[in-house]
Amino acid sequence: MKRNVCLLVLLGLGTSFSLQAQEAPAPETPPSAWTVGAGIGLDFSQLLQINPKQGAGQNRFGLGGATTLYAKLNNSKRVNWDNTLVWQFAVQKLGSGPLANGEPVPFQKAIDEFRLSSKFGYRTADTSKFFYAVDVNLLSQITPTFRGTTQYPGNFLSDISNTNATPLSRFFSPATLNLSVGIDLKPNKKLSVFYSPVGAKFVIVSNDDIARQGVHGNPVTKNANGAVIDFENVDAQIGSLLKANYANKFLTDKLTLTSQLLLYSNYLRNPQNIDVDWNNQFAFTIAKGLQLAITMNVFYDDDVRVQITDYDAPGGVAGTGKRVSFTQQMLIKYGINL
């Protein structure tokens, strides 16, 4: 009896060891289908002069940058979803001492652009290069902008006139929202071309005082003397939209080029005048994760009046009108993948 018990115990122990030895390893966690990352760029300039020589210039301090966040779902067999958020912001202070009203020299706004883009696509077939897609784009600003004075022209973060003046712009005044449904062609990983024959565009000026100025593309009604007597906060448009994205690397992956072109034609008003929003970035890798980047934007909206650059005019601006707007910024940029 004792011998049988011992045999059963040994058999049980052996079976236990055998099961443990044959136990399959824990399954590995599958890689995430999402690619998430961020890029932070810095734009900095500084000059200090104490008892400067005649004609030497004036003190200068500038600070700004560009922040980029992205999340992409591109490992799925049929679904592709790209999301990008970009905020470019920079301010500068020129000179020292107080203004005529005794206030210290304020910060001028150099750039303030907030962009949000999202495109969701579903592949028409398992091996197709075409996607049914929905595209959303938002363009606005974050901080308020105030006009300067005759003695100190420019755009400022605060009201330097101390007259409780209406800001020229602020968050969602204005904002441009594009919402389109169409077909997205992706022949390779570098290029995508999206086209929507029926796309909606909304020019939004949520603040009544800013909308009354009639400079951001929202509809206004003027009297015989040119004064605004009525306005609308939203201009709703229907039109055709084309959006192309391109990204590639050169010089053994040292130089990266990214470009996004958005073209829009408003069926309801002057469809022959195409709105353009073209963003480009050239980034040269200095070290791992560190880049020298140059961004350039070309913008034209047939309904928006921009400041007309005239270097012979006070403050370099000669009124407003329909013009092509060009913006360029140089940054030291650090990028990470989350």
Foldseek 3Di string as FASTA:
>chain_A
DVVVVVVVVVVVVVVVVVCVVPDDDDDDDDDDLKWKKKKKWKDWDWDDDDPDDVPPFATKTKIWIKIKIWMWRDPDQFKTKIKMKMWTWMWMFTHFAADPVRHTGAIATDDTKIKIKMKIWTHPDRPAQKTWMKIKMKIWGAAFWAADDLVDGGIGRDHPVPPPDDTLGHGVQWMKMKIFTFMWGDPDPFKIKTKGAKIKMKTFGPDPVNQLVQAAQWDFDADPVRHTDGTDGMDIFIWIKMKMWGWDADPVRQKIKIKIWIWIATPVPPRVDIWIWIKMKIWGDPDVQKTKMKIKIKTFDPRHWDFDADCVDVVRTDDTDGDIDMDMDITTMGMDID
